[in-house]
Amino acid sequence: MSKKDKIIKKIRENPSGVRFEEIESLFSRLGFRKRKGSSSHCIYIKEDAPPIMVVKPHSGEKFAAVVDVKKILEYLEEMGYV
């Protein structure tokens, strides 16, 4: 199982325990680049896909928001990446 597949499996099994670094790694492995948005908003872009915005956790939080994780999973399914 590839690293990308392991991250996707983790996202599906426990959306409340996904670190932002894992999200960055997943998007990088899928060929997206990160374009910094305003403050804590990160936008991931790829030529053949619409951009997706993810809020980076702040104030010492370790995990990404469950809402964002579910949005990411839904986006990846719609785009056919998973």
Protein backbone atom coordinates (compact mmCIF):
# COMPACT_ATOMS: atom_id res chain seq x y z
CA MET A 1 0.00 0.00 0.00
CA SER A 2 1.42 3.38 -1.00
CA LYS A 3 1.80 6.34 1.37
CA LYS A 4 -1.03 8.11 -0.49
CA ASP A 5 -3.33 5.11 0.06
CA LYS A 6 -2.41 4.97 3.76
CA ILE A 7 -3.30 8.64 4.24
CA ILE A 8 -6.62 8.21 2.43
CA LYS A 9 -7.43 5.15 4.55
CA LYS A 10 -6.63 7.13 7.70
CA ILE A 11 -8.83 10.02 6.58
CA ARG A 12 -11.75 7.68 5.98
CA GLU A 13 -11.33 5.80 9.26
CA ASN A 14 -10.71 8.77 11.58
CA PRO A 15 -11.46 12.22 10.13
CA SER A 16 -10.97 13.84 13.54
CA GLY A 17 -7.36 12.65 13.84
CA VAL A 18 -5.81 13.94 10.61
CA ARG A 19 -2.79 16.20 10.93
CA PHE A 20 -2.41 19.11 8.53
CA GLU A 21 0.98 17.74 7.47
CA GLU A 22 -0.78 14.58 6.24
CA ILE A 23 -3.14 16.69 4.14
CA GLU A 24 -0.18 18.55 2.65
CA SER A 25 1.56 15.25 1.91
CA LEU A 26 -1.54 13.80 0.26
CA PHE A 27 -2.07 16.79 -2.02
CA SER A 28 1.62 16.82 -2.90
CA ARG A 29 1.53 13.13 -3.82
CA LEU A 30 -1.51 13.80 -6.02
CA GLY A 31 0.37 16.51 -7.92
CA PHE A 32 -1.20 19.59 -6.33
CA ARG A 33 0.82 22.64 -5.36
CA LYS A 34 0.05 24.83 -2.39
CA ARG A 35 -0.66 28.48 -2.97
CA LYS A 36 -0.81 30.39 0.27
CA GLY A 37 -4.06 32.23 0.69
CA SER A 38 -4.86 34.81 3.30
CA SER A 39 -3.70 34.06 6.87
CA SER A 40 -4.45 30.42 7.66
CA HIS A 41 -6.19 29.56 4.40
CA CYS A 42 -4.20 27.33 2.06
CA ILE A 43 -5.29 26.77 -1.51
CA TYR A 44 -4.24 23.66 -3.38
CA ILE A 45 -4.20 23.89 -7.15
CA LYS A 46 -3.62 21.53 -10.03
CA GLU A 47 -3.93 22.20 -13.73
CA ASP A 48 -6.77 19.76 -14.45
CA ALA A 49 -8.78 20.32 -11.25
CA PRO A 50 -10.59 23.18 -9.54
CA PRO A 51 -8.76 24.64 -6.53
CA ILE A 52 -9.63 23.56 -3.02
CA MET A 53 -9.18 25.69 0.09
CA VAL A 54 -8.23 24.18 3.45
CA VAL A 55 -7.92 26.04 6.75
CA LYS A 56 -4.62 25.40 8.51
CA PRO A 57 -5.11 24.71 12.23
CA HIS A 58 -4.02 27.57 14.46
CA SER A 59 -3.38 28.25 18.13
CA GLY A 60 -1.39 25.06 18.64
CA GLU A 61 -4.02 22.72 17.26
CA LYS A 62 -2.52 19.50 15.91
CA PHE A 63 -5.39 18.23 13.79
CA ALA A 64 -7.29 19.63 10.85
CA ALA A 65 -10.97 20.44 11.31
CA VAL A 66 -13.28 17.49 10.69
CA VAL A 67 -15.34 19.64 8.33
CA ASP A 68 -12.27 20.30 6.18
CA VAL A 69 -11.20 16.65 6.22
CA LYS A 70 -14.66 15.53 5.05
CA LYS A 71 -14.65 18.25 2.39
CA ILE A 72 -11.26 17.04 1.15
CA LEU A 73 -12.42 13.42 0.97
CA GLU A 74 -15.59 14.43 -0.90
CA TYR A 75 -13.55 16.57 -3.31
CA LEU A 76 -11.08 13.76 -4.02
CA GLU A 77 -13.92 11.30 -4.64
CA GLU A 78 -15.69 13.71 -7.00
CA MET A 79 -12.47 14.30 -8.94
CA GLY A 80 -11.75 10.56 -9.16
CA TYR A 81 -8.54 10.59 -7.13
CA VAL A 82 -9.83 7.99 -4.65
